[in-house]
């Protein structure tokens, strides 16, 4: 029997707009397939040993919570987080958690805050609020007659720009995405998947949830081939109804 261990980083501080729902979706989609799941909450002052986990989740938070998290990350978890990313550990990072993995945040006044610099992207704070429902298309999810469209909810003033070795998670169809300028949404680097999508992201997008689960199982079990199919009728209806509503 397969088993997956999930680390929820800072669940008490980074849980904006129900981001914990991503953990719940991963857990249930594993359990429905008979896959055992262990979930560990790791917060400020706790040791983070990435070797213990197959998936690491980092949610979003407001500026106050992000400042607390940033100090702990820089003081205690920076090296371990960067090593885990370079060792192909599977990560999902949402909004503020997404930004923290980049190099820095720069304000309109020129003040610069250093982040983890684990992945080559950076964020410029702006006075513009990018707010509302979001639809984007992921090429890597296009298979078995699925069009690769993902839905979410964004609310951020930071504009994120990707470096040369980082691919976008998807292409914006409706909404702003990373910066409202270049049509990119989120980021992919090695097995790290980042997005500005709250909502929660994974419950309404089961194909993306299964992609992350499959990646983690392939990393852990050399003989793993594929996940068994689930009846995703309700999840597909939720996804398509939102897309139809937003696209008219």
C-alpha atoms as a PDB file:
ATOM      1  CA  UNK A   1       0.000   0.000   0.000  1.00  0.00           C
ATOM      2  CA  UNK A   2       1.205   3.486  -0.811  1.00  0.00           C
ATOM      3  CA  UNK A   3       1.706   6.142   1.852  1.00  0.00           C
ATOM      4  CA  UNK A   4       2.190   9.913   1.569  1.00  0.00           C
ATOM      5  CA  UNK A   5       3.409  12.343   4.227  1.00  0.00           C
ATOM      6  CA  UNK A   6       2.344  15.968   3.829  1.00  0.00           C
ATOM      7  CA  UNK A   7       3.908  18.928   5.626  1.00  0.00           C
ATOM      8  CA  UNK A   8       1.672  21.951   6.175  1.00  0.00           C
ATOM      9  CA  UNK A   9       4.023  24.861   6.816  1.00  0.00           C
ATOM     10  CA  UNK A  10       2.636  27.591   9.097  1.00  0.00           C
ATOM     11  CA  UNK A  11      -1.030  26.455   9.096  1.00  0.00           C
ATOM     12  CA  UNK A  12      -1.773  28.855  11.957  1.00  0.00           C
ATOM     13  CA  UNK A  13      -0.449  31.874  10.049  1.00  0.00           C
ATOM     14  CA  UNK A  14      -0.842  31.166   6.336  1.00  0.00           C
ATOM     15  CA  UNK A  15      -4.429  30.058   5.744  1.00  0.00           C
ATOM     16  CA  UNK A  16      -5.972  32.928   3.801  1.00  0.00           C
ATOM     17  CA  UNK A  17      -9.269  32.332   1.954  1.00  0.00           C
ATOM     18  CA  UNK A  18      -9.443  28.706   3.037  1.00  0.00           C
ATOM     19  CA  UNK A  19      -6.043  27.596   1.747  1.00  0.00           C
ATOM     20  CA  UNK A  20      -6.212  24.667   4.187  1.00  0.00           C
ATOM     21  CA  UNK A  21      -8.713  23.189   1.741  1.00  0.00           C
ATOM     22  CA  UNK A  22      -5.774  22.188  -0.443  1.00  0.00           C
ATOM     23  CA  UNK A  23      -4.527  19.897   2.316  1.00  0.00           C
ATOM     24  CA  UNK A  24      -8.015  18.436   2.750  1.00  0.00           C
ATOM     25  CA  UNK A  25      -8.335  17.792  -0.999  1.00  0.00           C
ATOM     26  CA  UNK A  26      -4.979  16.023  -1.183  1.00  0.00           C
ATOM     27  CA  UNK A  27      -5.815  13.916   1.858  1.00  0.00           C
ATOM     28  CA  UNK A  28      -9.272  12.853   0.661  1.00  0.00           C
ATOM     29  CA  UNK A  29      -8.177  12.084  -2.900  1.00  0.00           C
ATOM     30  CA  UNK A  30      -5.479   9.839  -1.510  1.00  0.00           C
ATOM     31  CA  UNK A  31      -7.752   8.120   1.009  1.00  0.00           C
ATOM     32  CA  UNK A  32     -10.430   7.453  -1.622  1.00  0.00           C
ATOM     33  CA  UNK A  33      -7.767   5.448  -3.436  1.00  0.00           C
ATOM     34  CA  UNK A  34      -6.602   3.559  -0.355  1.00  0.00           C
ATOM     35  CA  UNK A  35      -3.421   5.618   0.017  1.00  0.00           C
ATOM     36  CA  UNK A  36      -2.426   6.280   3.621  1.00  0.00           C
ATOM     37  CA  UNK A  37      -1.833   9.955   4.456  1.00  0.00           C
ATOM     38  CA  UNK A  38       0.100  11.534   7.312  1.00  0.00           C
ATOM     39  CA  UNK A  39      -0.191  15.298   7.827  1.00  0.00           C
ATOM     40  CA  UNK A  40       2.241  17.263   9.989  1.00  0.00           C
ATOM     41  CA  UNK A  41       1.817  20.906  10.980  1.00  0.00           C
ATOM     42  CA  UNK A  42       5.131  22.767  11.154  1.00  0.00           C
ATOM     43  CA  UNK A  43       5.119  26.370  12.354  1.00  0.00           C
ATOM     44  CA  UNK A  44       7.319  29.034  13.971  1.00  0.00           C
ATOM     45  CA  UNK A  45      10.124  27.491  16.021  1.00  0.00           C
ATOM     46  CA  UNK A  46       9.418  23.938  14.838  1.00  0.00           C
ATOM     47  CA  UNK A  47      12.096  21.889  13.122  1.00  0.00           C
ATOM     48  CA  UNK A  48      11.544  21.351   9.399  1.00  0.00           C
ATOM     49  CA  UNK A  49      13.122  18.122   8.164  1.00  0.00           C
ATOM     50  CA  UNK A  50      12.071  17.845   4.525  1.00  0.00           C
ATOM     51  CA  UNK A  51      13.243  14.228   4.272  1.00  0.00           C
ATOM     52  CA  UNK A  52      10.205  13.249   6.350  1.00  0.00           C
ATOM     53  CA  UNK A  53       7.710  14.567   3.790  1.00  0.00           C
ATOM     54  CA  UNK A  54       6.558  13.851   0.244  1.00  0.00           C
ATOM     55  CA  UNK A  55       4.551  17.058  -0.287  1.00  0.00           C
ATOM     56  CA  UNK A  56       5.122  20.446   1.328  1.00  0.00           C
ATOM     57  CA  UNK A  57       2.341  23.045   1.342  1.00  0.00           C
ATOM     58  CA  UNK A  58       2.762  26.779   1.973  1.00  0.00           C
ATOM     59  CA  UNK A  59      -0.380  28.917   1.961  1.00  0.00           C
ATOM     60  CA  UNK A  60      -1.075  32.630   1.793  1.00  0.00           C
ATOM     61  CA  UNK A  61      -1.352  35.300   4.464  1.00  0.00           C
ATOM     62  CA  UNK A  62      -1.546  39.015   5.027  1.00  0.00           C
ATOM     63  CA  UNK A  63       1.527  41.228   5.475  1.00  0.00           C
ATOM     64  CA  UNK A  64       1.625  40.865   9.272  1.00  0.00           C
ATOM     65  CA  UNK A  65       1.598  37.063   9.147  1.00  0.00           C
ATOM     66  CA  UNK A  66       4.068  37.004   6.264  1.00  0.00           C
ATOM     67  CA  UNK A  67       6.561  39.061   8.285  1.00  0.00           C
ATOM     68  CA  UNK A  68       6.417  36.534  11.133  1.00  0.00           C
ATOM     69  CA  UNK A  69       6.816  33.625   8.741  1.00  0.00           C
ATOM     70  CA  UNK A  70       9.654  35.291   6.836  1.00  0.00           C
ATOM     71  CA  UNK A  71      11.731  35.774   9.984  1.00  0.00           C
ATOM     72  CA  UNK A  72      11.327  32.120  10.959  1.00  0.00           C
ATOM     73  CA  UNK A  73      12.068  30.928   7.430  1.00  0.00           C
ATOM     74  CA  UNK A  74      15.212  33.020   7.149  1.00  0.00           C
ATOM     75  CA  UNK A  75      16.451  32.178  10.657  1.00  0.00           C
ATOM     76  CA  UNK A  76      15.624  28.480  10.842  1.00  0.00           C
ATOM     77  CA  UNK A  77      14.324  26.919   7.630  1.00  0.00           C
ATOM     78  CA  UNK A  78      16.020  28.657   4.687  1.00  0.00           C
ATOM     79  CA  UNK A  79      18.738  26.105   3.940  1.00  0.00           C
ATOM     80  CA  UNK A  80      16.424  23.117   4.423  1.00  0.00           C
ATOM     81  CA  UNK A  81      13.739  24.625   2.175  1.00  0.00           C
ATOM     82  CA  UNK A  82      16.216  25.393  -0.604  1.00  0.00           C
ATOM     83  CA  UNK A  83      17.773  21.935  -0.355  1.00  0.00           C
ATOM     84  CA  UNK A  84      14.345  20.307  -0.508  1.00  0.00           C
ATOM     85  CA  UNK A  85      13.447  22.256  -3.650  1.00  0.00           C
ATOM     86  CA  UNK A  86      16.720  21.383  -5.377  1.00  0.00           C
ATOM     87  CA  UNK A  87      16.214  17.727  -4.379  1.00  0.00           C
ATOM     88  CA  UNK A  88      12.914  17.654  -6.333  1.00  0.00           C
ATOM     89  CA  UNK A  89      10.609  17.620  -3.322  1.00  0.00           C
ATOM     90  CA  UNK A  90       6.992  18.362  -4.344  1.00  0.00           C
ATOM     91  CA  UNK A  91       5.796  21.785  -3.159  1.00  0.00           C
ATOM     92  CA  UNK A  92       2.559  23.719  -3.543  1.00  0.00           C
ATOM     93  CA  UNK A  93       2.809  27.418  -2.639  1.00  0.00           C
ATOM     94  CA  UNK A  94      -0.088  29.866  -2.766  1.00  0.00           C
ATOM     95  CA  UNK A  95       0.000  33.693  -3.013  1.00  0.00           C
ATOM     96  CA  UNK A  96       2.124  34.941  -0.076  1.00  0.00           C
ATOM     97  CA  UNK A  97       3.796  31.544   0.179  1.00  0.00           C
ATOM     98  CA  UNK A  98       4.529  31.793  -3.539  1.00  0.00           C
ATOM     99  CA  UNK A  99       6.173  35.217  -3.110  1.00  0.00           C
ATOM    100  CA  UNK A 100       8.309  34.075  -0.171  1.00  0.00           C
ATOM    101  CA  UNK A 101      10.082  31.466  -2.301  1.00  0.00           C
ATOM    102  CA  UNK A 102      11.363  34.195  -4.648  1.00  0.00           C
ATOM    103  CA  UNK A 103      14.291  36.585  -4.298  1.00  0.00           C
ATOM    104  CA  UNK A 104      12.719  39.773  -2.961  1.00  0.00           C
ATOM    105  CA  UNK A 105       9.801  42.172  -2.679  1.00  0.00           C
ATOM    106  CA  UNK A 106      10.304  45.780  -3.730  1.00  0.00           C
ATOM    107  CA  UNK A 107       7.925  48.609  -2.827  1.00  0.00           C
ATOM    108  CA  UNK A 108       7.093  51.571  -5.117  1.00  0.00           C
ATOM    109  CA  UNK A 109       9.306  53.699  -2.830  1.00  0.00           C
ATOM    110  CA  UNK A 110      12.273  51.440  -3.508  1.00  0.00           C
ATOM    111  CA  UNK A 111      12.393  49.581  -0.189  1.00  0.00           C
ATOM    112  CA  UNK A 112      13.513  45.994  -0.761  1.00  0.00           C
ATOM    113  CA  UNK A 113      12.804  42.985   1.462  1.00  0.00           C
ATOM    114  CA  UNK A 114      14.896  39.885   0.881  1.00  0.00           C
ATOM    115  CA  UNK A 115      13.034  36.582   0.618  1.00  0.00           C
ATOM    116  CA  UNK A 116      14.325  32.993   0.480  1.00  0.00           C
ATOM    117  CA  UNK A 117      15.790  33.300  -3.030  1.00  0.00           C
ATOM    118  CA  UNK A 118      14.993  29.636  -3.571  1.00  0.00           C
ATOM    119  CA  UNK A 119      13.526  30.201  -7.056  1.00  0.00           C
ATOM    120  CA  UNK A 120      14.302  32.831  -9.698  1.00  0.00           C
ATOM    121  CA  UNK A 121      11.343  35.215  -9.502  1.00  0.00           C
ATOM    122  CA  UNK A 122      10.698  38.498  -7.723  1.00  0.00           C
ATOM    123  CA  UNK A 123       7.747  40.642  -6.692  1.00  0.00           C
ATOM    124  CA  UNK A 124       7.098  44.362  -7.025  1.00  0.00           C
ATOM    125  CA  UNK A 125       4.462  45.769  -4.689  1.00  0.00           C
ATOM    126  CA  UNK A 126       1.976  48.098  -6.354  1.00  0.00           C
ATOM    127  CA  UNK A 127      -0.982  50.272  -5.490  1.00  0.00           C
ATOM    128  CA  UNK A 128      -3.171  48.293  -7.874  1.00  0.00           C
ATOM    129  CA  UNK A 129      -5.238  45.508  -6.304  1.00  0.00           C
ATOM    130  CA  UNK A 130      -5.611  42.428  -8.512  1.00  0.00           C
ATOM    131  CA  UNK A 131      -8.825  40.946  -7.233  1.00  0.00           C
ATOM    132  CA  UNK A 132     -11.461  38.510  -8.434  1.00  0.00           C
ATOM    133  CA  UNK A 133     -12.053  35.106  -9.963  1.00  0.00           C
ATOM    134  CA  UNK A 134      -9.345  33.656 -12.150  1.00  0.00           C
ATOM    135  CA  UNK A 135      -9.230  31.195 -15.036  1.00  0.00           C
ATOM    136  CA  UNK A 136      -5.968  29.955 -16.498  1.00  0.00           C
ATOM    137  CA  UNK A 137      -4.854  27.156 -18.771  1.00  0.00           C
ATOM    138  CA  UNK A 138      -2.179  24.582 -17.877  1.00  0.00           C
ATOM    139  CA  UNK A 139      -0.659  22.802 -20.863  1.00  0.00           C
ATOM    140  CA  UNK A 140       0.698  19.938 -18.737  1.00  0.00           C
ATOM    141  CA  UNK A 141      -2.854  19.044 -17.644  1.00  0.00           C
ATOM    142  CA  UNK A 142      -4.224  18.702 -21.180  1.00  0.00           C
ATOM    143  CA  UNK A 143      -4.954  15.006 -21.586  1.00  0.00           C
ATOM    144  CA  UNK A 144      -7.856  12.547 -21.594  1.00  0.00           C
ATOM    145  CA  UNK A 145     -10.117  15.192 -23.167  1.00  0.00           C
ATOM    146  CA  UNK A 146      -9.458  17.676 -20.343  1.00  0.00           C
ATOM    147  CA  UNK A 147      -8.825  21.188 -21.662  1.00  0.00           C
ATOM    148  CA  UNK A 148      -6.368  22.118 -18.895  1.00  0.00           C
ATOM    149  CA  UNK A 149      -8.461  25.000 -17.549  1.00  0.00           C
ATOM    150  CA  UNK A 150      -8.051  25.776 -13.862  1.00  0.00           C
ATOM    151  CA  UNK A 151     -10.193  28.122 -11.751  1.00  0.00           C
ATOM    152  CA  UNK A 152      -9.295  30.085  -8.645  1.00  0.00           C
ATOM    153  CA  UNK A 153      -9.669  33.352  -6.759  1.00  0.00           C
ATOM    154  CA  UNK A 154      -6.935  35.977  -6.527  1.00  0.00           C
ATOM    155  CA  UNK A 155      -6.444  38.992  -4.259  1.00  0.00           C
ATOM    156  CA  UNK A 156      -2.963  40.504  -4.291  1.00  0.00           C
ATOM    157  CA  UNK A 157      -1.158  43.782  -4.903  1.00  0.00           C
ATOM    158  CA  UNK A 158       2.230  42.178  -5.542  1.00  0.00           C
ATOM    159  CA  UNK A 159       3.263  41.769  -9.176  1.00  0.00           C
ATOM    160  CA  UNK A 160       5.489  38.751  -9.673  1.00  0.00           C
ATOM    161  CA  UNK A 161       7.901  38.336 -12.583  1.00  0.00           C
ATOM    162  CA  UNK A 162       9.542  35.037 -13.523  1.00  0.00           C
ATOM    163  CA  UNK A 163      13.227  34.492 -14.250  1.00  0.00           C
ATOM    164  CA  UNK A 164      14.576  32.650 -17.268  1.00  0.00           C
ATOM    165  CA  UNK A 165      14.667  29.177 -15.688  1.00  0.00           C
ATOM    166  CA  UNK A 166      11.127  29.284 -14.330  1.00  0.00           C
ATOM    167  CA  UNK A 167       8.015  28.374 -16.296  1.00  0.00           C
ATOM    168  CA  UNK A 168       4.542  29.774 -15.579  1.00  0.00           C
ATOM    169  CA  UNK A 169       2.037  27.384 -14.076  1.00  0.00           C
ATOM    170  CA  UNK A 170      -0.420  28.488 -16.743  1.00  0.00           C
ATOM    171  CA  UNK A 171      -1.632  31.167 -19.133  1.00  0.00           C
ATOM    172  CA  UNK A 172      -4.317  33.595 -17.943  1.00  0.00           C
ATOM    173  CA  UNK A 173      -7.662  33.441 -19.716  1.00  0.00           C
ATOM    174  CA  UNK A 174      -9.640  35.570 -17.256  1.00  0.00           C
ATOM    175  CA  UNK A 175      -8.158  37.671 -14.450  1.00  0.00           C
ATOM    176  CA  UNK A 176      -4.724  39.066 -13.693  1.00  0.00           C
ATOM    177  CA  UNK A 177      -2.388  36.221 -12.736  1.00  0.00           C
ATOM    178  CA  UNK A 178       1.170  37.062 -11.738  1.00  0.00           C
ATOM    179  CA  UNK A 179       1.197  40.707 -12.721  1.00  0.00           C
ATOM    180  CA  UNK A 180      -1.703  41.580 -15.040  1.00  0.00           C
ATOM    181  CA  UNK A 181       0.766  42.280 -17.841  1.00  0.00           C
ATOM    182  CA  UNK A 182       2.417  39.229 -19.406  1.00  0.00           C
ATOM    183  CA  UNK A 183      -0.420  36.668 -19.170  1.00  0.00           C
ATOM    184  CA  UNK A 184       1.442  34.353 -16.820  1.00  0.00           C
ATOM    185  CA  UNK A 185      -0.050  32.749 -13.735  1.00  0.00           C
ATOM    186  CA  UNK A 186       2.014  31.061 -11.061  1.00  0.00           C
ATOM    187  CA  UNK A 187       5.326  29.317 -11.488  1.00  0.00           C
ATOM    188  CA  UNK A 188       6.831  25.863 -11.950  1.00  0.00           C
ATOM    189  CA  UNK A 189      10.399  25.065 -10.979  1.00  0.00           C
ATOM    190  CA  UNK A 190      11.464  21.428 -10.678  1.00  0.00           C
ATOM    191  CA  UNK A 191       8.592  19.927  -8.611  1.00  0.00           C
ATOM    192  CA  UNK A 192       7.521  23.242  -7.067  1.00  0.00           C
ATOM    193  CA  UNK A 193       4.114  24.542  -8.160  1.00  0.00           C
ATOM    194  CA  UNK A 194       3.144  28.103  -7.244  1.00  0.00           C
ATOM    195  CA  UNK A 195      -0.077  30.042  -7.818  1.00  0.00           C
ATOM    196  CA  UNK A 196      -1.942  33.172  -6.785  1.00  0.00           C
ATOM    197  CA  UNK A 197      -5.144  31.115  -6.678  1.00  0.00           C
ATOM    198  CA  UNK A 198      -6.997  30.816  -3.406  1.00  0.00           C
ATOM    199  CA  UNK A 199     -10.472  29.480  -3.199  1.00  0.00           C
ATOM    200  CA  UNK A 200      -9.226  26.724  -2.345  1.00  0.00           C
ATOM    201  CA  UNK A 201      -7.350  25.825  -5.520  1.00  0.00           C
ATOM    202  CA  UNK A 202      -7.298  22.016  -5.473  1.00  0.00           C
ATOM    203  CA  UNK A 203     -10.889  21.046  -4.523  1.00  0.00           C
ATOM    204  CA  UNK A 204     -12.247  22.656  -7.709  1.00  0.00           C
ATOM    205  CA  UNK A 205      -9.343  21.428  -9.829  1.00  0.00           C
ATOM    206  CA  UNK A 206      -8.976  17.678  -9.211  1.00  0.00           C
ATOM    207  CA  UNK A 207      -6.647  17.146 -12.189  1.00  0.00           C
ATOM    208  CA  UNK A 208      -4.087  19.461 -10.623  1.00  0.00           C
ATOM    209  CA  UNK A 209      -4.455  17.765  -7.227  1.00  0.00           C
ATOM    210  CA  UNK A 210      -3.885  14.358  -8.819  1.00  0.00           C
ATOM    211  CA  UNK A 211      -0.859  15.666 -10.708  1.00  0.00           C
ATOM    212  CA  UNK A 212       0.796  16.624  -7.420  1.00  0.00           C
ATOM    213  CA  UNK A 213      -0.092  13.316  -5.795  1.00  0.00           C
ATOM    214  CA  UNK A 214       1.288  11.380  -8.766  1.00  0.00           C
ATOM    215  CA  UNK A 215       4.531  13.376  -8.726  1.00  0.00           C
ATOM    216  CA  UNK A 216       5.071  12.639  -5.052  1.00  0.00           C
ATOM    217  CA  UNK A 217       4.385   8.909  -5.502  1.00  0.00           C
ATOM    218  CA  UNK A 218       6.784   8.705  -8.455  1.00  0.00           C
ATOM    219  CA  UNK A 219       9.457  10.318  -6.306  1.00  0.00           C
ATOM    220  CA  UNK A 220       8.889   7.846  -3.486  1.00  0.00           C
ATOM    221  CA  UNK A 221       8.075   4.570  -5.249  1.00  0.00           C
ATOM    222  CA  UNK A 222      10.044   3.504  -8.316  1.00  0.00           C
ATOM    223  CA  UNK A 223       7.306   1.043  -9.286  1.00  0.00           C
ATOM    224  CA  UNK A 224       4.421   3.545  -9.154  1.00  0.00           C
ATOM    225  CA  UNK A 225       2.668   3.879 -12.534  1.00  0.00           C
ATOM    226  CA  UNK A 226      -0.559   5.873 -12.218  1.00  0.00           C
ATOM    227  CA  UNK A 227      -3.464   6.742  -9.954  1.00  0.00           C
ATOM    228  CA  UNK A 228      -6.751   4.906 -10.122  1.00  0.00           C
ATOM    229  CA  UNK A 229      -9.689   6.923 -11.467  1.00  0.00           C
ATOM    230  CA  UNK A 230     -12.204   8.612  -9.193  1.00  0.00           C
ATOM    231  CA  UNK A 231     -15.743   9.762  -9.858  1.00  0.00           C
ATOM    232  CA  UNK A 232     -15.130  13.513 -10.152  1.00  0.00           C
ATOM    233  CA  UNK A 233     -18.586  14.434 -11.408  1.00  0.00           C
ATOM    234  CA  UNK A 234     -19.235  17.067  -8.731  1.00  0.00           C
ATOM    235  CA  UNK A 235     -15.723  18.518  -8.936  1.00  0.00           C
ATOM    236  CA  UNK A 236     -15.965  18.819 -12.722  1.00  0.00           C
ATOM    237  CA  UNK A 237     -19.360  20.510 -12.431  1.00  0.00           C
ATOM    238  CA  UNK A 238     -17.923  23.058  -9.975  1.00  0.00           C
ATOM    239  CA  UNK A 239     -14.998  23.732 -12.290  1.00  0.00           C
ATOM    240  CA  UNK A 240     -17.093  24.060 -15.430  1.00  0.00           C
ATOM    241  CA  UNK A 241     -19.877  26.118 -13.869  1.00  0.00           C
ATOM    242  CA  UNK A 242     -17.352  28.719 -12.708  1.00  0.00           C
ATOM    243  CA  UNK A 243     -15.672  28.804 -16.114  1.00  0.00           C
ATOM    244  CA  UNK A 244     -19.024  29.161 -17.892  1.00  0.00           C
ATOM    245  CA  UNK A 245     -20.060  31.944 -15.539  1.00  0.00           C
ATOM    246  CA  UNK A 246     -16.822  33.887 -16.011  1.00  0.00           C
ATOM    247  CA  UNK A 247     -16.542  33.328 -19.758  1.00  0.00           C
ATOM    248  CA  UNK A 248     -20.193  34.078 -20.473  1.00  0.00           C
END
